[in-house]
Amino acid sequence: MKDDNSRLVYSTETGRIKEEKQAPAREKGDGIVRIQRQTKGRKGKGVCLVTGLDLEETQLKLVAAELKKVCGCGGSLKDGVIEIQGDKRDQIKMYLEKKGHTVKLAGG
């Protein structure tokens, strides 16, 4: 009995067959960089989320590293969103405006 849902994973002619991984496509923003403060799910510790930067993954890593140096704190890059530890919204806004981005402070 043949299963219609089976996939070929090995062939004697070509060896292992690997599926090509697709890069996750991020949505294009409206050209406005938004900075918001969030504490949800972080045990009361606040972070600043920077969204709306239409850059490639490598460029986002560089911007995240520069923001961490400017603010003097830690942070990370997750799914195209830069997270900076602490409430550093004003410093982040000044830095991004110097770089030529349109910045809005989102949330409370």
N, C-alpha and C. Protein backbone atom coordinates (compact mmCIF):
# COMPACT_ATOMS: atom_id res chain seq x y z
N MET A 1 0.84 -1.17 0.00
CA MET A 1 0.00 0.00 0.00
C MET A 1 0.89 1.24 0.00
N LYS A 2 0.67 2.12 -0.91
CA LYS A 2 1.50 3.31 -1.06
C LYS A 2 0.84 4.50 -0.36
N ASP A 3 1.64 5.24 0.39
CA ASP A 3 1.15 6.41 1.10
C ASP A 3 1.34 7.63 0.19
N ASP A 4 0.28 8.37 -0.07
CA ASP A 4 0.35 9.55 -0.94
C ASP A 4 1.08 10.72 -0.30
N ASN A 5 1.20 10.74 1.01
CA ASN A 5 1.83 11.86 1.70
C ASN A 5 3.33 11.65 1.94
N SER A 6 3.89 10.55 1.48
CA SER A 6 5.31 10.30 1.74
C SER A 6 6.17 11.15 0.82
N ARG A 7 7.34 11.50 1.33
CA ARG A 7 8.29 12.28 0.56
C ARG A 7 9.56 11.46 0.40
N LEU A 8 10.20 11.58 -0.72
CA LEU A 8 11.44 10.91 -0.97
C LEU A 8 12.56 11.61 -0.20
N VAL A 9 13.26 10.89 0.67
CA VAL A 9 14.33 11.49 1.45
C VAL A 9 15.69 10.95 1.06
N TYR A 10 15.74 9.82 0.33
CA TYR A 10 17.01 9.26 -0.08
C TYR A 10 16.82 8.56 -1.42
N SER A 11 17.77 8.74 -2.28
CA SER A 11 17.73 8.08 -3.56
C SER A 11 19.10 7.46 -3.83
N THR A 12 19.14 6.29 -4.42
CA THR A 12 20.42 5.64 -4.72
C THR A 12 21.16 6.37 -5.81
N GLU A 13 20.47 7.13 -6.61
CA GLU A 13 21.12 7.88 -7.69
C GLU A 13 21.77 9.17 -7.20
N THR A 14 21.10 9.90 -6.30
CA THR A 14 21.61 11.21 -5.89
C THR A 14 21.96 11.30 -4.41
N GLY A 15 21.66 10.31 -3.62
CA GLY A 15 21.95 10.37 -2.19
C GLY A 15 20.83 11.07 -1.45
N ARG A 16 21.17 11.76 -0.38
CA ARG A 16 20.15 12.46 0.41
C ARG A 16 19.59 13.63 -0.38
N ILE A 17 18.31 13.82 -0.24
CA ILE A 17 17.63 14.91 -0.92
C ILE A 17 17.16 15.89 0.14
N LYS A 18 17.68 17.11 0.09
CA LYS A 18 17.31 18.14 1.07
C LYS A 18 16.38 19.14 0.41
N GLU A 19 15.37 19.53 1.17
CA GLU A 19 14.48 20.57 0.68
C GLU A 19 15.14 21.92 0.89
N GLU A 20 14.95 22.82 -0.05
CA GLU A 20 15.51 24.16 0.08
C GLU A 20 14.71 24.95 1.10
N LYS A 21 15.43 25.62 1.99
CA LYS A 21 14.76 26.44 3.00
C LYS A 21 14.42 27.80 2.39
N GLN A 22 13.22 28.26 2.66
CA GLN A 22 12.80 29.57 2.18
C GLN A 22 13.04 30.60 3.27
N ALA A 23 13.60 31.72 2.88
CA ALA A 23 13.81 32.81 3.83
C ALA A 23 12.47 33.43 4.18
N PRO A 24 12.22 33.66 5.48
CA PRO A 24 10.94 34.27 5.85
C PRO A 24 10.84 35.69 5.30
N ALA A 25 9.75 35.97 4.64
CA ALA A 25 9.55 37.29 4.04
C ALA A 25 8.89 38.21 5.06
N ARG A 26 9.54 39.34 5.32
CA ARG A 26 8.97 40.32 6.24
C ARG A 26 8.12 41.30 5.47
N GLU A 27 7.11 41.81 6.13
CA GLU A 27 6.23 42.78 5.50
C GLU A 27 6.95 44.11 5.36
N LYS A 28 6.67 44.80 4.26
CA LYS A 28 7.25 46.13 4.04
C LYS A 28 6.48 47.12 4.89
N GLY A 29 7.21 48.02 5.52
CA GLY A 29 6.59 49.01 6.38
C GLY A 29 6.14 50.23 5.59
N ASP A 30 5.65 51.22 6.30
CA ASP A 30 5.18 52.45 5.67
C ASP A 30 6.25 53.54 5.70
N GLY A 31 7.49 53.17 6.04
CA GLY A 31 8.58 54.14 6.05
C GLY A 31 8.76 54.85 7.38
N ILE A 32 7.96 54.49 8.37
CA ILE A 32 8.05 55.11 9.68
C ILE A 32 8.59 54.08 10.67
N VAL A 33 9.64 54.45 11.38
CA VAL A 33 10.21 53.58 12.40
C VAL A 33 9.48 53.85 13.70
N ARG A 34 8.97 52.79 14.32
CA ARG A 34 8.21 52.94 15.56
C ARG A 34 9.01 52.34 16.72
N ILE A 35 9.04 53.08 17.83
CA ILE A 35 9.73 52.63 19.03
C ILE A 35 8.69 52.53 20.14
N GLN A 36 8.59 51.35 20.73
CA GLN A 36 7.63 51.19 21.82
C GLN A 36 8.30 50.49 22.99
N ARG A 37 7.80 50.76 24.18
CA ARG A 37 8.31 50.14 25.39
C ARG A 37 7.38 49.00 25.75
N GLN A 38 7.97 47.86 26.13
CA GLN A 38 7.16 46.69 26.44
C GLN A 38 7.74 45.96 27.65
N THR A 39 6.84 45.51 28.54
CA THR A 39 7.26 44.73 29.70
C THR A 39 6.55 43.38 29.74
N LYS A 40 5.62 43.16 28.87
CA LYS A 40 4.80 41.95 28.88
C LYS A 40 5.67 40.71 28.63
N GLY A 41 5.56 39.74 29.52
CA GLY A 41 6.28 38.48 29.37
C GLY A 41 7.75 38.57 29.70
N ARG A 42 8.17 39.63 30.37
CA ARG A 42 9.59 39.81 30.70
C ARG A 42 9.81 40.02 32.19
N LYS A 43 8.88 39.55 33.00
CA LYS A 43 8.97 39.63 34.46
C LYS A 43 9.16 41.06 34.95
N GLY A 44 8.49 42.01 34.31
CA GLY A 44 8.54 43.40 34.72
C GLY A 44 9.71 44.20 34.18
N LYS A 45 10.63 43.53 33.51
CA LYS A 45 11.78 44.23 32.93
C LYS A 45 11.35 44.86 31.62
N GLY A 46 11.64 46.12 31.42
CA GLY A 46 11.22 46.83 30.22
C GLY A 46 12.25 46.73 29.11
N VAL A 47 11.76 46.65 27.89
CA VAL A 47 12.61 46.70 26.70
C VAL A 47 11.98 47.66 25.71
N CYS A 48 12.79 48.20 24.82
CA CYS A 48 12.30 49.04 23.74
C CYS A 48 12.33 48.23 22.46
N LEU A 49 11.21 48.19 21.76
CA LEU A 49 11.11 47.47 20.50
C LEU A 49 11.17 48.47 19.35
N VAL A 50 12.08 48.24 18.41
CA VAL A 50 12.23 49.10 17.25
C VAL A 50 11.74 48.32 16.04
N THR A 51 10.64 48.78 15.43
CA THR A 51 10.06 48.11 14.27
C THR A 51 9.96 49.09 13.10
N GLY A 52 9.82 48.55 11.91
CA GLY A 52 9.60 49.38 10.74
C GLY A 52 10.85 49.71 9.95
N LEU A 53 11.99 49.14 10.31
CA LEU A 53 13.21 49.37 9.54
C LEU A 53 13.21 48.40 8.35
N ASP A 54 13.14 48.94 7.13
CA ASP A 54 13.13 48.10 5.93
C ASP A 54 14.57 47.86 5.46
N LEU A 55 15.27 47.00 6.21
CA LEU A 55 16.65 46.68 5.90
C LEU A 55 16.81 45.17 5.83
N GLU A 56 17.91 44.74 5.21
CA GLU A 56 18.23 43.32 5.17
C GLU A 56 18.67 42.85 6.55
N GLU A 57 18.73 41.53 6.74
CA GLU A 57 19.06 40.95 8.03
C GLU A 57 20.45 41.39 8.51
N THR A 58 21.43 41.41 7.62
CA THR A 58 22.79 41.79 8.03
C THR A 58 22.86 43.26 8.42
N GLN A 59 22.13 44.12 7.69
CA GLN A 59 22.11 45.54 8.03
C GLN A 59 21.39 45.77 9.35
N LEU A 60 20.32 45.00 9.61
CA LEU A 60 19.61 45.13 10.88
C LEU A 60 20.51 44.74 12.05
N LYS A 61 21.35 43.72 11.86
CA LYS A 61 22.28 43.32 12.92
C LYS A 61 23.27 44.45 13.23
N LEU A 62 23.73 45.12 12.18
CA LEU A 62 24.65 46.24 12.40
C LEU A 62 23.98 47.39 13.12
N VAL A 63 22.74 47.71 12.74
CA VAL A 63 22.00 48.79 13.40
C VAL A 63 21.75 48.43 14.86
N ALA A 64 21.40 47.16 15.12
CA ALA A 64 21.17 46.73 16.50
C ALA A 64 22.45 46.85 17.33
N ALA A 65 23.59 46.49 16.74
CA ALA A 65 24.86 46.61 17.46
C ALA A 65 25.19 48.07 17.75
N GLU A 66 24.94 48.96 16.79
CA GLU A 66 25.19 50.38 17.00
C GLU A 66 24.28 50.95 18.08
N LEU A 67 23.01 50.55 18.08
CA LEU A 67 22.07 51.03 19.09
C LEU A 67 22.48 50.56 20.48
N LYS A 68 22.97 49.34 20.59
CA LYS A 68 23.42 48.84 21.89
C LYS A 68 24.62 49.63 22.39
N LYS A 69 25.51 50.02 21.48
CA LYS A 69 26.67 50.81 21.88
C LYS A 69 26.26 52.23 22.29
N VAL A 70 25.33 52.82 21.52
CA VAL A 70 24.88 54.18 21.83
C VAL A 70 24.18 54.22 23.19
N CYS A 71 23.33 53.22 23.45
CA CYS A 71 22.56 53.20 24.69
C CYS A 71 23.35 52.64 25.86
N GLY A 72 24.42 51.93 25.59
CA GLY A 72 25.22 51.35 26.67
C GLY A 72 24.50 50.24 27.39
N CYS A 73 23.77 49.42 26.65
CA CYS A 73 23.03 48.32 27.27
C CYS A 73 22.94 47.16 26.29
N GLY A 74 22.32 46.08 26.72
CA GLY A 74 22.19 44.89 25.90
C GLY A 74 20.96 44.95 25.01
N GLY A 75 20.84 43.95 24.18
CA GLY A 75 19.70 43.87 23.30
C GLY A 75 19.84 42.70 22.36
N SER A 76 18.87 42.56 21.45
CA SER A 76 18.91 41.46 20.50
C SER A 76 18.08 41.81 19.27
N LEU A 77 18.15 40.93 18.28
CA LEU A 77 17.37 41.06 17.06
C LEU A 77 16.56 39.80 16.89
N LYS A 78 15.23 39.92 16.90
CA LYS A 78 14.35 38.76 16.77
C LYS A 78 13.28 39.04 15.73
N ASP A 79 13.26 38.26 14.67
CA ASP A 79 12.24 38.35 13.61
C ASP A 79 12.13 39.75 13.04
N GLY A 80 13.23 40.42 12.82
CA GLY A 80 13.22 41.75 12.22
C GLY A 80 12.88 42.87 13.19
N VAL A 81 12.78 42.56 14.48
CA VAL A 81 12.47 43.56 15.51
C VAL A 81 13.69 43.68 16.41
N ILE A 82 14.18 44.89 16.58
CA ILE A 82 15.33 45.13 17.45
C ILE A 82 14.82 45.38 18.86
N GLU A 83 15.35 44.62 19.83
CA GLU A 83 14.98 44.78 21.23
C GLU A 83 16.18 45.35 21.97
N ILE A 84 15.97 46.49 22.64
CA ILE A 84 17.01 47.14 23.43
C ILE A 84 16.54 47.13 24.89
N GLN A 85 17.40 46.67 25.79
CA GLN A 85 17.01 46.57 27.19
C GLN A 85 16.92 47.95 27.83
N GLY A 86 15.92 48.12 28.68
CA GLY A 86 15.73 49.37 29.40
C GLY A 86 14.87 50.35 28.62
N ASP A 87 14.57 51.48 29.25
CA ASP A 87 13.76 52.51 28.62
C ASP A 87 14.69 53.56 28.02
N LYS A 88 15.13 53.33 26.82
CA LYS A 88 16.08 54.21 26.12
C LYS A 88 15.46 54.81 24.86
N ARG A 89 14.14 55.03 24.89
CA ARG A 89 13.44 55.49 23.68
C ARG A 89 13.97 56.82 23.16
N ASP A 90 14.28 57.75 24.05
CA ASP A 90 14.75 59.07 23.60
C ASP A 90 16.11 58.97 22.91
N GLN A 91 17.02 58.16 23.47
CA GLN A 91 18.33 57.99 22.86
C GLN A 91 18.22 57.31 21.50
N ILE A 92 17.36 56.29 21.42
CA ILE A 92 17.17 55.57 20.16
C ILE A 92 16.58 56.50 19.11
N LYS A 93 15.60 57.32 19.52
CA LYS A 93 14.96 58.24 18.59
C LYS A 93 15.96 59.26 18.04
N MET A 94 16.78 59.83 18.91
CA MET A 94 17.77 60.80 18.46
C MET A 94 18.76 60.16 17.48
N TYR A 95 19.20 58.95 17.78
CA TYR A 95 20.18 58.28 16.93
C TYR A 95 19.60 57.97 15.55
N LEU A 96 18.37 57.44 15.53
CA LEU A 96 17.76 57.08 14.24
C LEU A 96 17.41 58.31 13.41
N GLU A 97 17.03 59.42 14.07
CA GLU A 97 16.76 60.64 13.32
C GLU A 97 18.04 61.20 12.71
N LYS A 98 19.17 61.05 13.39
CA LYS A 98 20.45 61.48 12.81
C LYS A 98 20.79 60.66 11.57
N LYS A 99 20.35 59.40 11.57
CA LYS A 99 20.60 58.51 10.43
C LYS A 99 19.63 58.77 9.27
N GLY A 100 18.63 59.65 9.49
CA GLY A 100 17.73 60.03 8.42
C GLY A 100 16.41 59.27 8.37
N HIS A 101 16.03 58.59 9.45
CA HIS A 101 14.78 57.87 9.50
C HIS A 101 13.68 58.74 10.12
N THR A 102 12.44 58.49 9.73
CA THR A 102 11.28 59.13 10.35
C THR A 102 10.89 58.26 11.54
N VAL A 103 10.86 58.82 12.74
CA VAL A 103 10.68 58.04 13.96
C VAL A 103 9.44 58.53 14.71
N LYS A 104 8.67 57.56 15.22
CA LYS A 104 7.53 57.85 16.09
C LYS A 104 7.65 57.01 17.35
N LEU A 105 7.28 57.61 18.49
CA LEU A 105 7.20 56.87 19.73
C LEU A 105 5.79 56.27 19.82
N ALA A 106 5.69 54.97 19.83
CA ALA A 106 4.41 54.28 19.83
C ALA A 106 4.09 53.80 21.23
N GLY A 107 2.82 53.69 21.55
CA GLY A 107 2.39 53.20 22.85
C GLY A 107 2.47 54.28 23.91
N GLY A 108 2.30 53.84 25.16
CA GLY A 108 2.28 54.77 26.28
C GLY A 108 3.63 55.08 26.72
